[in-house]
């Protein structure tokens, strides 16, 4: 089964229907979100007390573009996290955690009007 990110890579003209933005805007958003995510990671690393070497622990299942796609797909389609996880080949818990982590970053880089809908619907 092809996941949603692979689908929009294969058919970029359908990105607007699935995510609500064009493929070009999606790639721009991924670039700015990746930059903001890396800055957040650096801030956390500076204040973190390390017990294990850097790079230890569980690796992320989805790449950053896939995580951004997951978040946009949720905002556009509002599926359950079970369905969202199935669409991206991960568990519902991982889908929930990924969405909520990226929502914080989107609040910083996107205009407030685009994210107001999320606050109104009371995301759990």
PDB file of N, CA and C in Angstrom:
ATOM      1  N   UNK A   1       0.844  -1.173   0.000  1.00  0.00           N
ATOM      2  CA  UNK A   1       0.000   0.000   0.000  1.00  0.00           C
ATOM      3  C   UNK A   1       0.893   1.242   0.000  1.00  0.00           C
ATOM      4  N   UNK A   2       0.635   2.158  -0.880  1.00  0.00           N
ATOM      5  CA  UNK A   2       1.413   3.387  -0.998  1.00  0.00           C
ATOM      6  C   UNK A   2       0.938   4.379   0.070  1.00  0.00           C
ATOM      7  N   UNK A   3       1.903   5.000   0.788  1.00  0.00           N
ATOM      8  CA  UNK A   3       1.471   5.966   1.794  1.00  0.00           C
ATOM      9  C   UNK A   3       1.241   7.330   1.144  1.00  0.00           C
ATOM     10  N   UNK A   4       0.682   8.233   1.899  1.00  0.00           N
ATOM     11  CA  UNK A   4       0.260   9.533   1.367  1.00  0.00           C
ATOM     12  C   UNK A   4       1.431  10.339   0.837  1.00  0.00           C
ATOM     13  N   UNK A   5       2.555  10.325   1.541  1.00  0.00           N
ATOM     14  CA  UNK A   5       3.719  11.087   1.093  1.00  0.00           C
ATOM     15  C   UNK A   5       4.243  10.562  -0.241  1.00  0.00           C
ATOM     16  N   UNK A   6       4.334   9.251  -0.377  1.00  0.00           N
ATOM     17  CA  UNK A   6       4.782   8.658  -1.635  1.00  0.00           C
ATOM     18  C   UNK A   6       3.810   8.993  -2.764  1.00  0.00           C
ATOM     19  N   UNK A   7       2.532   9.047  -2.437  1.00  0.00           N
ATOM     20  CA  UNK A   7       1.508   9.366  -3.429  1.00  0.00           C
ATOM     21  C   UNK A   7       1.696  10.778  -3.978  1.00  0.00           C
ATOM     22  N   UNK A   8       1.936  11.751  -3.088  1.00  0.00           N
ATOM     23  CA  UNK A   8       2.103  13.119  -3.602  1.00  0.00           C
ATOM     24  C   UNK A   8       3.452  13.290  -4.294  1.00  0.00           C
ATOM     25  N   UNK A   9       4.435  12.440  -3.958  1.00  0.00           N
ATOM     26  CA  UNK A   9       5.698  12.470  -4.695  1.00  0.00           C
ATOM     27  C   UNK A   9       5.477  11.949  -6.116  1.00  0.00           C
ATOM     28  N   UNK A  10       4.635  10.949  -6.234  1.00  0.00           N
ATOM     29  CA  UNK A  10       4.351  10.354  -7.540  1.00  0.00           C
ATOM     30  C   UNK A  10       3.415  11.234  -8.374  1.00  0.00           C
ATOM     31  N   UNK A  11       2.435  11.865  -7.713  1.00  0.00           N
ATOM     32  CA  UNK A  11       1.451  12.718  -8.380  1.00  0.00           C
ATOM     33  C   UNK A  11       1.438  14.104  -7.730  1.00  0.00           C
ATOM     34  N   UNK A  12       2.434  14.951  -8.018  1.00  0.00           N
ATOM     35  CA  UNK A  12       2.527  16.251  -7.342  1.00  0.00           C
ATOM     36  C   UNK A  12       1.351  17.190  -7.615  1.00  0.00           C
ATOM     37  N   UNK A  13       0.650  17.003  -8.723  1.00  0.00           N
ATOM     38  CA  UNK A  13      -0.485  17.877  -9.019  1.00  0.00           C
ATOM     39  C   UNK A  13      -1.676  17.622  -8.086  1.00  0.00           C
ATOM     40  N   UNK A  14      -1.693  16.489  -7.415  1.00  0.00           N
ATOM     41  CA  UNK A  14      -2.791  16.164  -6.503  1.00  0.00           C
ATOM     42  C   UNK A  14      -2.522  16.621  -5.065  1.00  0.00           C
ATOM     43  N   UNK A  15      -1.397  17.273  -4.855  1.00  0.00           N
ATOM     44  CA  UNK A  15      -1.039  17.746  -3.522  1.00  0.00           C
ATOM     45  C   UNK A  15      -2.063  18.729  -2.985  1.00  0.00           C
ATOM     46  N   UNK A  16      -2.548  19.598  -3.845  1.00  0.00           N
ATOM     47  CA  UNK A  16      -3.532  20.610  -3.424  1.00  0.00           C
ATOM     48  C   UNK A  16      -4.797  19.940  -2.884  1.00  0.00           C
ATOM     49  N   UNK A  17      -5.234  18.860  -3.514  1.00  0.00           N
ATOM     50  CA  UNK A  17      -6.439  18.168  -3.072  1.00  0.00           C
ATOM     51  C   UNK A  17      -6.243  17.485  -1.720  1.00  0.00           C
ATOM     52  N   UNK A  18      -5.054  16.916  -1.506  1.00  0.00           N
ATOM     53  CA  UNK A  18      -4.813  16.169  -0.275  1.00  0.00           C
ATOM     54  C   UNK A  18      -4.371  17.035   0.895  1.00  0.00           C
ATOM     55  N   UNK A  19      -3.523  18.037   0.613  1.00  0.00           N
ATOM     56  CA  UNK A  19      -2.934  18.823   1.691  1.00  0.00           C
ATOM     57  C   UNK A  19      -3.448  20.249   1.769  1.00  0.00           C
ATOM     58  N   UNK A  20      -4.095  20.710   0.716  1.00  0.00           N
ATOM     59  CA  UNK A  20      -4.640  22.062   0.729  1.00  0.00           C
ATOM     60  C   UNK A  20      -3.681  23.118   0.208  1.00  0.00           C
ATOM     61  N   UNK A  21      -2.464  22.715  -0.167  1.00  0.00           N
ATOM     62  CA  UNK A  21      -1.495  23.651  -0.749  1.00  0.00           C
ATOM     63  C   UNK A  21      -0.846  22.991  -1.961  1.00  0.00           C
ATOM     64  N   UNK A  22      -0.258  23.801  -2.822  1.00  0.00           N
ATOM     65  CA  UNK A  22       0.396  23.256  -4.017  1.00  0.00           C
ATOM     66  C   UNK A  22       1.686  22.536  -3.625  1.00  0.00           C
ATOM     67  N   UNK A  23       2.208  21.750  -4.543  1.00  0.00           N
ATOM     68  CA  UNK A  23       3.435  20.996  -4.282  1.00  0.00           C
ATOM     69  C   UNK A  23       4.613  21.936  -4.039  1.00  0.00           C
ATOM     70  N   UNK A  24       4.668  23.034  -4.774  1.00  0.00           N
ATOM     71  CA  UNK A  24       5.748  24.006  -4.600  1.00  0.00           C
ATOM     72  C   UNK A  24       5.692  24.637  -3.210  1.00  0.00           C
ATOM     73  N   UNK A  25       4.499  25.002  -2.766  1.00  0.00           N
ATOM     74  CA  UNK A  25       4.349  25.566  -1.425  1.00  0.00           C
ATOM     75  C   UNK A  25       4.662  24.515  -0.357  1.00  0.00           C
ATOM     76  N   UNK A  26       4.314  23.281  -0.636  1.00  0.00           N
ATOM     77  CA  UNK A  26       4.635  22.196   0.292  1.00  0.00           C
ATOM     78  C   UNK A  26       6.143  22.063   0.471  1.00  0.00           C
ATOM     79  N   UNK A  27       6.892  22.076  -0.627  1.00  0.00           N
ATOM     80  CA  UNK A  27       8.345  21.951  -0.526  1.00  0.00           C
ATOM     81  C   UNK A  27       8.955  23.162   0.189  1.00  0.00           C
ATOM     82  N   UNK A  28       8.403  24.351  -0.060  1.00  0.00           N
ATOM     83  CA  UNK A  28       8.873  25.545   0.658  1.00  0.00           C
ATOM     84  C   UNK A  28       8.592  25.421   2.156  1.00  0.00           C
ATOM     85  N   UNK A  29       7.414  24.929   2.485  1.00  0.00           N
ATOM     86  CA  UNK A  29       7.045  24.751   3.884  1.00  0.00           C
ATOM     87  C   UNK A  29       7.942  23.716   4.555  1.00  0.00           C
ATOM     88  N   UNK A  30       8.261  22.650   3.844  1.00  0.00           N
ATOM     89  CA  UNK A  30       9.160  21.623   4.394  1.00  0.00           C
ATOM     90  C   UNK A  30      10.522  22.243   4.697  1.00  0.00           C
ATOM     91  N   UNK A  31      11.035  23.073   3.783  1.00  0.00           N
ATOM     92  CA  UNK A  31      12.335  23.703   4.000  1.00  0.00           C
ATOM     93  C   UNK A  31      12.332  24.606   5.232  1.00  0.00           C
ATOM     94  N   UNK A  32      11.319  25.447   5.358  1.00  0.00           N
ATOM     95  CA  UNK A  32      11.267  26.349   6.511  1.00  0.00           C
ATOM     96  C   UNK A  32      10.976  25.588   7.806  1.00  0.00           C
ATOM     97  N   UNK A  33      10.160  24.546   7.739  1.00  0.00           N
ATOM     98  CA  UNK A  33       9.875  23.741   8.931  1.00  0.00           C
ATOM     99  C   UNK A  33      11.116  22.970   9.370  1.00  0.00           C
ATOM    100  N   UNK A  34      11.871  22.466   8.405  1.00  0.00           N
ATOM    101  CA  UNK A  34      13.099  21.743   8.725  1.00  0.00           C
ATOM    102  C   UNK A  34      14.092  22.671   9.423  1.00  0.00           C
ATOM    103  N   UNK A  35      14.201  23.899   8.919  1.00  0.00           N
ATOM    104  CA  UNK A  35      15.105  24.882   9.512  1.00  0.00           C
ATOM    105  C   UNK A  35      14.687  25.195  10.956  1.00  0.00           C
ATOM    106  N   UNK A  36      13.413  25.427  11.183  1.00  0.00           N
ATOM    107  CA  UNK A  36      12.899  25.715  12.516  1.00  0.00           C
ATOM    108  C   UNK A  36      13.077  24.506  13.440  1.00  0.00           C
ATOM    109  N   UNK A  37      12.859  23.310  12.923  1.00  0.00           N
ATOM    110  CA  UNK A  37      13.018  22.076  13.700  1.00  0.00           C
ATOM    111  C   UNK A  37      14.477  21.908  14.144  1.00  0.00           C
ATOM    112  N   UNK A  38      15.409  22.183  13.246  1.00  0.00           N
ATOM    113  CA  UNK A  38      16.825  22.067  13.588  1.00  0.00           C
ATOM    114  C   UNK A  38      17.225  23.085  14.651  1.00  0.00           C
ATOM    115  N   UNK A  39      16.673  24.295  14.570  1.00  0.00           N
ATOM    116  CA  UNK A  39      16.949  25.307  15.591  1.00  0.00           C
ATOM    117  C   UNK A  39      16.424  24.861  16.954  1.00  0.00           C
ATOM    118  N   UNK A  40      15.219  24.274  16.966  1.00  0.00           N
ATOM    119  CA  UNK A  40      14.645  23.765  18.216  1.00  0.00           C
ATOM    120  C   UNK A  40      15.509  22.648  18.790  1.00  0.00           C
ATOM    121  N   UNK A  41      16.006  21.767  17.922  1.00  0.00           N
ATOM    122  CA  UNK A  41      16.867  20.671  18.358  1.00  0.00           C
ATOM    123  C   UNK A  41      18.155  21.204  18.979  1.00  0.00           C
ATOM    124  N   UNK A  42      18.738  22.227  18.363  1.00  0.00           N
ATOM    125  CA  UNK A  42      19.972  22.806  18.895  1.00  0.00           C
ATOM    126  C   UNK A  42      19.742  23.437  20.261  1.00  0.00           C
ATOM    127  N   UNK A  43      18.613  24.117  20.441  1.00  0.00           N
ATOM    128  CA  UNK A  43      18.294  24.711  21.744  1.00  0.00           C
ATOM    129  C   UNK A  43      18.163  23.629  22.812  1.00  0.00           C
ATOM    130  N   UNK A  44      17.495  22.522  22.461  1.00  0.00           N
ATOM    131  CA  UNK A  44      17.332  21.424  23.413  1.00  0.00           C
ATOM    132  C   UNK A  44      18.665  20.777  23.762  1.00  0.00           C
ATOM    133  N   UNK A  45      19.538  20.633  22.751  1.00  0.00           N
ATOM    134  CA  UNK A  45      20.840  20.005  22.966  1.00  0.00           C
ATOM    135  C   UNK A  45      21.715  20.825  23.909  1.00  0.00           C
ATOM    136  N   UNK A  46      21.622  22.136  23.839  1.00  0.00           N
ATOM    137  CA  UNK A  46      22.456  22.992  24.681  1.00  0.00           C
ATOM    138  C   UNK A  46      22.098  22.872  26.154  1.00  0.00           C
ATOM    139  N   UNK A  47      20.820  22.678  26.443  1.00  0.00           N
ATOM    140  CA  UNK A  47      20.398  22.599  27.835  1.00  0.00           C
ATOM    141  C   UNK A  47      20.279  21.163  28.351  1.00  0.00           C
ATOM    142  N   UNK A  48      20.542  20.186  27.498  1.00  0.00           N
ATOM    143  CA  UNK A  48      20.360  18.782  27.860  1.00  0.00           C
ATOM    144  C   UNK A  48      21.588  18.239  28.587  1.00  0.00           C
ATOM    145  N   UNK A  49      21.333  17.443  29.603  1.00  0.00           N
ATOM    146  CA  UNK A  49      22.405  16.727  30.280  1.00  0.00           C
ATOM    147  C   UNK A  49      22.418  15.323  29.706  1.00  0.00           C
ATOM    148  N   UNK A  50      23.514  14.962  29.057  1.00  0.00           N
ATOM    149  CA  UNK A  50      23.583  13.690  28.356  1.00  0.00           C
ATOM    150  C   UNK A  50      24.054  12.559  29.243  1.00  0.00           C
ATOM    151  N   UNK A  51      23.353  11.452  29.144  1.00  0.00           N
ATOM    152  CA  UNK A  51      23.778  10.219  29.791  1.00  0.00           C
ATOM    153  C   UNK A  51      24.363   9.298  28.726  1.00  0.00           C
ATOM    154  N   UNK A  52      23.726   9.292  27.578  1.00  0.00           N
ATOM    155  CA  UNK A  52      24.174   8.456  26.467  1.00  0.00           C
ATOM    156  C   UNK A  52      24.773   9.338  25.380  1.00  0.00           C
ATOM    157  N   UNK A  53      25.542   8.706  24.518  1.00  0.00           N
ATOM    158  CA  UNK A  53      26.127   9.441  23.409  1.00  0.00           C
ATOM    159  C   UNK A  53      25.064   9.969  22.466  1.00  0.00           C
ATOM    160  N   UNK A  54      25.386  11.036  21.809  1.00  0.00           N
ATOM    161  CA  UNK A  54      24.471  11.619  20.833  1.00  0.00           C
ATOM    162  C   UNK A  54      24.206  10.616  19.713  1.00  0.00           C
ATOM    163  N   UNK A  55      22.945  10.549  19.290  1.00  0.00           N
ATOM    164  CA  UNK A  55      22.568   9.613  18.223  1.00  0.00           C
ATOM    165  C   UNK A  55      22.023   8.310  18.743  1.00  0.00           C
ATOM    166  N   UNK A  56      22.037   8.122  20.051  1.00  0.00           N
ATOM    167  CA  UNK A  56      21.485   6.909  20.644  1.00  0.00           C
ATOM    168  C   UNK A  56      19.971   6.999  20.716  1.00  0.00           C
ATOM    169  N   UNK A  57      19.346   5.909  21.034  1.00  0.00           N
ATOM    170  CA  UNK A  57      17.894   5.910  21.151  1.00  0.00           C
ATOM    171  C   UNK A  57      17.211   5.455  19.876  1.00  0.00           C
ATOM    172  N   UNK A  58      15.901   5.472  19.931  1.00  0.00           N
ATOM    173  CA  UNK A  58      15.100   5.006  18.792  1.00  0.00           C
ATOM    174  C   UNK A  58      15.147   6.013  17.660  1.00  0.00           C
ATOM    175  N   UNK A  59      15.330   5.537  16.471  1.00  0.00           N
ATOM    176  CA  UNK A  59      15.361   6.394  15.288  1.00  0.00           C
ATOM    177  C   UNK A  59      13.937   6.734  14.869  1.00  0.00           C
ATOM    178  N   UNK A  60      13.785   7.901  14.248  1.00  0.00           N
ATOM    179  CA  UNK A  60      12.462   8.302  13.769  1.00  0.00           C
ATOM    180  C   UNK A  60      12.056   7.423  12.591  1.00  0.00           C
ATOM    181  N   UNK A  61      10.786   7.089  12.561  1.00  0.00           N
ATOM    182  CA  UNK A  61      10.264   6.232  11.495  1.00  0.00           C
ATOM    183  C   UNK A  61      10.067   7.043  10.218  1.00  0.00           C
ATOM    184  N   UNK A  62       9.521   8.250  10.354  1.00  0.00           N
ATOM    185  CA  UNK A  62       9.230   9.104   9.209  1.00  0.00           C
ATOM    186  C   UNK A  62      10.299  10.179   9.048  1.00  0.00           C
ATOM    187  N   UNK A  63      10.599  10.527   7.820  1.00  0.00           N
ATOM    188  CA  UNK A  63      11.514  11.633   7.560  1.00  0.00           C
ATOM    189  C   UNK A  63      10.797  12.950   7.859  1.00  0.00           C
ATOM    190  N   UNK A  64      11.550  14.035   7.889  1.00  0.00           N
ATOM    191  CA  UNK A  64      10.946  15.341   8.174  1.00  0.00           C
ATOM    192  C   UNK A  64       9.890  15.711   7.127  1.00  0.00           C
ATOM    193  N   UNK A  65      10.153  15.540   5.822  1.00  0.00           N
ATOM    194  CA  UNK A  65       9.081  15.849   4.861  1.00  0.00           C
ATOM    195  C   UNK A  65       7.828  14.998   5.068  1.00  0.00           C
ATOM    196  N   UNK A  66       8.006  13.739   5.451  1.00  0.00           N
ATOM    197  CA  UNK A  66       6.853  12.880   5.717  1.00  0.00           C
ATOM    198  C   UNK A  66       6.089  13.350   6.952  1.00  0.00           C
ATOM    199  N   UNK A  67       6.806  13.822   7.964  1.00  0.00           N
ATOM    200  CA  UNK A  67       6.157  14.319   9.174  1.00  0.00           C
ATOM    201  C   UNK A  67       5.365  15.590   8.883  1.00  0.00           C
ATOM    202  N   UNK A  68       5.932  16.476   8.075  1.00  0.00           N
ATOM    203  CA  UNK A  68       5.220  17.704   7.687  1.00  0.00           C
ATOM    204  C   UNK A  68       3.985  17.339   6.873  1.00  0.00           C
ATOM    205  N   UNK A  69       4.128  16.379   5.965  1.00  0.00           N
ATOM    206  CA  UNK A  69       2.996  15.910   5.154  1.00  0.00           C
ATOM    207  C   UNK A  69       1.905  15.328   6.052  1.00  0.00           C
ATOM    208  N   UNK A  70       2.283  14.553   7.048  1.00  0.00           N
ATOM    209  CA  UNK A  70       1.317  13.975   7.983  1.00  0.00           C
ATOM    210  C   UNK A  70       0.522  15.071   8.679  1.00  0.00           C
ATOM    211  N   UNK A  71       1.213  16.084   9.141  1.00  0.00           N
ATOM    212  CA  UNK A  71       0.546  17.171   9.862  1.00  0.00           C
ATOM    213  C   UNK A  71      -0.413  17.926   8.939  1.00  0.00           C
ATOM    214  N   UNK A  72       0.023  18.240   7.729  1.00  0.00           N
ATOM    215  CA  UNK A  72      -0.845  18.943   6.779  1.00  0.00           C
ATOM    216  C   UNK A  72      -2.032  18.091   6.365  1.00  0.00           C
ATOM    217  N   UNK A  73      -1.784  16.795   6.176  1.00  0.00           N
ATOM    218  CA  UNK A  73      -2.862  15.877   5.815  1.00  0.00           C
ATOM    219  C   UNK A  73      -3.914  15.844   6.920  1.00  0.00           C
ATOM    220  N   UNK A  74      -3.468  15.828   8.171  1.00  0.00           N
ATOM    221  CA  UNK A  74      -4.409  15.832   9.282  1.00  0.00           C
ATOM    222  C   UNK A  74      -5.223  17.126   9.299  1.00  0.00           C
ATOM    223  N   UNK A  75      -4.541  18.257   9.131  1.00  0.00           N
ATOM    224  CA  UNK A  75      -5.236  19.543   9.168  1.00  0.00           C
ATOM    225  C   UNK A  75      -6.259  19.676   8.041  1.00  0.00           C
ATOM    226  N   UNK A  76      -5.961  19.085   6.904  1.00  0.00           N
ATOM    227  CA  UNK A  76      -6.866  19.185   5.747  1.00  0.00           C
ATOM    228  C   UNK A  76      -8.022  18.184   5.834  1.00  0.00           C
ATOM    229  N   UNK A  77      -7.724  16.937   6.193  1.00  0.00           N
ATOM    230  CA  UNK A  77      -8.714  15.864   6.116  1.00  0.00           C
ATOM    231  C   UNK A  77      -9.381  15.537   7.458  1.00  0.00           C
ATOM    232  N   UNK A  78      -8.740  15.837   8.576  1.00  0.00           N
ATOM    233  CA  UNK A  78      -9.205  15.527   9.934  1.00  0.00           C
ATOM    234  C   UNK A  78      -9.618  14.040  10.078  1.00  0.00           C
ATOM    235  N   UNK A  79      -8.695  13.113   9.759  1.00  0.00           N
ATOM    236  CA  UNK A  79      -9.011  11.702  10.013  1.00  0.00           C
ATOM    237  C   UNK A  79      -8.743  11.373  11.484  1.00  0.00           C
ATOM    238  N   UNK A  80      -9.155  10.202  11.913  1.00  0.00           N
ATOM    239  CA  UNK A  80      -8.764   9.759  13.254  1.00  0.00           C
ATOM    240  C   UNK A  80      -7.273   9.454  13.214  1.00  0.00           C
ATOM    241  N   UNK A  81      -6.635   9.404  14.369  1.00  0.00           N
ATOM    242  CA  UNK A  81      -5.206   9.112  14.381  1.00  0.00           C
ATOM    243  C   UNK A  81      -4.936   7.673  13.965  1.00  0.00           C
ATOM    244  N   UNK A  82      -5.904   6.815  14.144  1.00  0.00           N
ATOM    245  CA  UNK A  82      -5.777   5.429  13.662  1.00  0.00           C
ATOM    246  C   UNK A  82      -5.642   5.425  12.138  1.00  0.00           C
ATOM    247  N   UNK A  83      -6.544   6.127  11.463  1.00  0.00           N
ATOM    248  CA  UNK A  83      -6.513   6.208   9.995  1.00  0.00           C
ATOM    249  C   UNK A  83      -5.263   6.952   9.529  1.00  0.00           C
ATOM    250  N   UNK A  84      -4.880   8.000  10.245  1.00  0.00           N
ATOM    251  CA  UNK A  84      -3.686   8.756   9.901  1.00  0.00           C
ATOM    252  C   UNK A  84      -2.451   7.867   9.992  1.00  0.00           C
ATOM    253  N   UNK A  85      -2.369   7.070  11.039  1.00  0.00           N
ATOM    254  CA  UNK A  85      -1.253   6.148  11.186  1.00  0.00           C
ATOM    255  C   UNK A  85      -1.204   5.123  10.067  1.00  0.00           C
ATOM    256  N   UNK A  86      -2.357   4.594   9.706  1.00  0.00           N
ATOM    257  CA  UNK A  86      -2.416   3.626   8.607  1.00  0.00           C
ATOM    258  C   UNK A  86      -1.977   4.272   7.300  1.00  0.00           C
ATOM    259  N   UNK A  87      -2.367   5.518   7.074  1.00  0.00           N
ATOM    260  CA  UNK A  87      -2.017   6.229   5.847  1.00  0.00           C
ATOM    261  C   UNK A  87      -0.516   6.458   5.707  1.00  0.00           C
ATOM    262  N   UNK A  88       0.192   6.504   6.840  1.00  0.00           N
ATOM    263  CA  UNK A  88       1.632   6.759   6.807  1.00  0.00           C
ATOM    264  C   UNK A  88       2.465   5.573   7.283  1.00  0.00           C
ATOM    265  N   UNK A  89       1.820   4.464   7.579  1.00  0.00           N
ATOM    266  CA  UNK A  89       2.544   3.254   7.965  1.00  0.00           C
ATOM    267  C   UNK A  89       3.133   3.303   9.361  1.00  0.00           C
ATOM    268  N   UNK A  90       2.466   3.998  10.287  1.00  0.00           N
ATOM    269  CA  UNK A  90       2.930   4.087  11.667  1.00  0.00           C
ATOM    270  C   UNK A  90       1.758   3.812  12.602  1.00  0.00           C
ATOM    271  N   UNK A  91       2.035   3.766  13.908  1.00  0.00           N
ATOM    272  CA  UNK A  91       0.963   3.530  14.877  1.00  0.00           C
ATOM    273  C   UNK A  91       0.166   4.807  15.118  1.00  0.00           C
ATOM    274  N   UNK A  92      -1.007   4.652  15.725  1.00  0.00           N
ATOM    275  CA  UNK A  92      -1.830   5.829  16.007  1.00  0.00           C
ATOM    276  C   UNK A  92      -1.161   6.723  17.042  1.00  0.00           C
ATOM    277  N   UNK A  93      -0.429   6.137  17.974  1.00  0.00           N
ATOM    278  CA  UNK A  93       0.287   6.927  18.979  1.00  0.00           C
ATOM    279  C   UNK A  93       1.396   7.747  18.324  1.00  0.00           C
ATOM    280  N   UNK A  94       2.131   7.120  17.431  1.00  0.00           N
ATOM    281  CA  UNK A  94       3.193   7.833  16.710  1.00  0.00           C
ATOM    282  C   UNK A  94       2.598   8.948  15.856  1.00  0.00           C
ATOM    283  N   UNK A  95       1.466   8.713  15.228  1.00  0.00           N
ATOM    284  CA  UNK A  95       0.797   9.743  14.425  1.00  0.00           C
ATOM    285  C   UNK A  95       0.367  10.911  15.308  1.00  0.00           C
ATOM    286  N   UNK A  96      -0.190  10.615  16.466  1.00  0.00           N
ATOM    287  CA  UNK A  96      -0.617  11.647  17.405  1.00  0.00           C
ATOM    288  C   UNK A  96       0.579  12.471  17.878  1.00  0.00           C
ATOM    289  N   UNK A  97       1.647  11.801  18.309  1.00  0.00           N
ATOM    290  CA  UNK A  97       2.838  12.499  18.791  1.00  0.00           C
ATOM    291  C   UNK A  97       3.460  13.352  17.695  1.00  0.00           C
ATOM    292  N   UNK A  98       3.549  12.815  16.498  1.00  0.00           N
ATOM    293  CA  UNK A  98       4.128  13.557  15.372  1.00  0.00           C
ATOM    294  C   UNK A  98       3.317  14.798  15.067  1.00  0.00           C
ATOM    295  N   UNK A  99       2.004  14.655  15.003  1.00  0.00           N
ATOM    296  CA  UNK A  99       1.156  15.812  14.717  1.00  0.00           C
ATOM    297  C   UNK A  99       1.342  16.910  15.758  1.00  0.00           C
ATOM    298  N   UNK A 100       1.289  16.543  17.025  1.00  0.00           N
ATOM    299  CA  UNK A 100       1.370  17.552  18.079  1.00  0.00           C
ATOM    300  C   UNK A 100       2.756  18.202  18.158  1.00  0.00           C
ATOM    301  N   UNK A 101       3.815  17.454  17.850  1.00  0.00           N
ATOM    302  CA  UNK A 101       5.150  18.048  17.820  1.00  0.00           C
ATOM    303  C   UNK A 101       5.283  19.071  16.695  1.00  0.00           C
ATOM    304  N   UNK A 102       4.783  18.734  15.525  1.00  0.00           N
ATOM    305  CA  UNK A 102       4.911  19.645  14.382  1.00  0.00           C
ATOM    306  C   UNK A 102       3.925  20.792  14.453  1.00  0.00           C
ATOM    307  N   UNK A 103       2.827  20.616  15.133  1.00  0.00           N
ATOM    308  CA  UNK A 103       1.865  21.710  15.277  1.00  0.00           C
ATOM    309  C   UNK A 103       2.505  22.891  15.988  1.00  0.00           C
ATOM    310  N   UNK A 104       3.358  22.620  16.975  1.00  0.00           N
ATOM    311  CA  UNK A 104       4.071  23.684  17.679  1.00  0.00           C
ATOM    312  C   UNK A 104       4.991  24.455  16.727  1.00  0.00           C
ATOM    313  N   UNK A 105       5.651  23.747  15.855  1.00  0.00           N
ATOM    314  CA  UNK A 105       6.550  24.394  14.890  1.00  0.00           C
ATOM    315  C   UNK A 105       5.741  25.179  13.867  1.00  0.00           C
ATOM    316  N   UNK A 106       4.617  24.630  13.426  1.00  0.00           N
ATOM    317  CA  UNK A 106       3.762  25.336  12.464  1.00  0.00           C
ATOM    318  C   UNK A 106       3.229  26.633  13.054  1.00  0.00           C
ATOM    319  N   UNK A 107       2.963  26.643  14.348  1.00  0.00           N
ATOM    320  CA  UNK A 107       2.485  27.872  14.998  1.00  0.00           C
ATOM    321  C   UNK A 107       3.507  28.991  14.863  1.00  0.00           C
ATOM    322  N   UNK A 108       4.787  28.636  14.837  1.00  0.00           N
ATOM    323  CA  UNK A 108       5.842  29.640  14.726  1.00  0.00           C
ATOM    324  C   UNK A 108       6.027  30.140  13.301  1.00  0.00           C
ATOM    325  N   UNK A 109       5.859  29.253  12.314  1.00  0.00           N
ATOM    326  CA  UNK A 109       6.215  29.633  10.941  1.00  0.00           C
ATOM    327  C   UNK A 109       5.027  29.977  10.051  1.00  0.00           C
ATOM    328  N   UNK A 110       3.807  29.645  10.458  1.00  0.00           N
ATOM    329  CA  UNK A 110       2.630  29.942   9.641  1.00  0.00           C
ATOM    330  C   UNK A 110       1.817  31.076  10.259  1.00  0.00           C
ATOM    331  N   UNK A 111       1.080  31.813   9.440  1.00  0.00           N
ATOM    332  CA  UNK A 111       0.185  32.839   9.990  1.00  0.00           C
ATOM    333  C   UNK A 111      -0.860  32.204  10.909  1.00  0.00           C
ATOM    334  N   UNK A 112      -1.265  32.957  11.904  1.00  0.00           N
ATOM    335  CA  UNK A 112      -2.209  32.437  12.897  1.00  0.00           C
ATOM    336  C   UNK A 112      -3.537  32.017  12.276  1.00  0.00           C
ATOM    337  N   UNK A 113      -3.982  32.705  11.239  1.00  0.00           N
ATOM    338  CA  UNK A 113      -5.286  32.414  10.654  1.00  0.00           C
ATOM    339  C   UNK A 113      -5.380  30.988  10.113  1.00  0.00           C
ATOM    340  N   UNK A 114      -4.268  30.416   9.650  1.00  0.00           N
ATOM    341  CA  UNK A 114      -4.300  29.054   9.122  1.00  0.00           C
ATOM    342  C   UNK A 114      -4.433  28.013  10.225  1.00  0.00           C
ATOM    343  N   UNK A 115      -3.980  28.348  11.419  1.00  0.00           N
ATOM    344  CA  UNK A 115      -4.027  27.379  12.504  1.00  0.00           C
ATOM    345  C   UNK A 115      -5.185  27.600  13.461  1.00  0.00           C
ATOM    346  N   UNK A 116      -5.964  28.639  13.244  1.00  0.00           N
ATOM    347  CA  UNK A 116      -7.101  28.901  14.117  1.00  0.00           C
ATOM    348  C   UNK A 116      -8.110  27.763  14.070  1.00  0.00           C
ATOM    349  N   UNK A 117      -8.258  27.116  12.935  1.00  0.00           N
ATOM    350  CA  UNK A 117      -9.213  26.029  12.800  1.00  0.00           C
ATOM    351  C   UNK A 117      -8.862  24.874  13.738  1.00  0.00           C
ATOM    352  N   UNK A 118      -7.580  24.652  13.954  1.00  0.00           N
ATOM    353  CA  UNK A 118      -7.147  23.554  14.825  1.00  0.00           C
ATOM    354  C   UNK A 118      -7.561  23.857  16.263  1.00  0.00           C
ATOM    355  N   UNK A 119      -7.382  25.088  16.707  1.00  0.00           N
ATOM    356  CA  UNK A 119      -7.749  25.449  18.063  1.00  0.00           C
ATOM    357  C   UNK A 119      -9.239  25.361  18.309  1.00  0.00           C
ATOM    358  N   UNK A 120     -10.020  25.684  17.308  1.00  0.00           N
ATOM    359  CA  UNK A 120     -11.481  25.663  17.438  1.00  0.00           C
ATOM    360  C   UNK A 120     -11.975  24.237  17.573  1.00  0.00           C
ATOM    361  N   UNK A 121     -11.378  23.302  16.847  1.00  0.00           N
ATOM    362  CA  UNK A 121     -11.863  21.912  16.846  1.00  0.00           C
ATOM    363  C   UNK A 121     -11.419  21.120  18.072  1.00  0.00           C
ATOM    364  N   UNK A 122     -10.608  21.723  18.920  1.00  0.00           N
ATOM    365  CA  UNK A 122     -10.112  21.082  20.147  1.00  0.00           C
ATOM    366  C   UNK A 122      -9.537  19.714  19.851  1.00  0.00           C
ATOM    367  N   UNK A 123      -8.315  19.731  19.354  1.00  0.00           N
ATOM    368  CA  UNK A 123      -7.606  18.513  18.997  1.00  0.00           C
ATOM    369  C   UNK A 123      -7.207  17.759  20.259  1.00  0.00           C
ATOM    370  N   UNK A 124      -7.464  16.468  20.267  1.00  0.00           N
ATOM    371  CA  UNK A 124      -7.123  15.635  21.431  1.00  0.00           C
ATOM    372  C   UNK A 124      -5.909  14.810  21.099  1.00  0.00           C
TER     373      UNK A 124
END
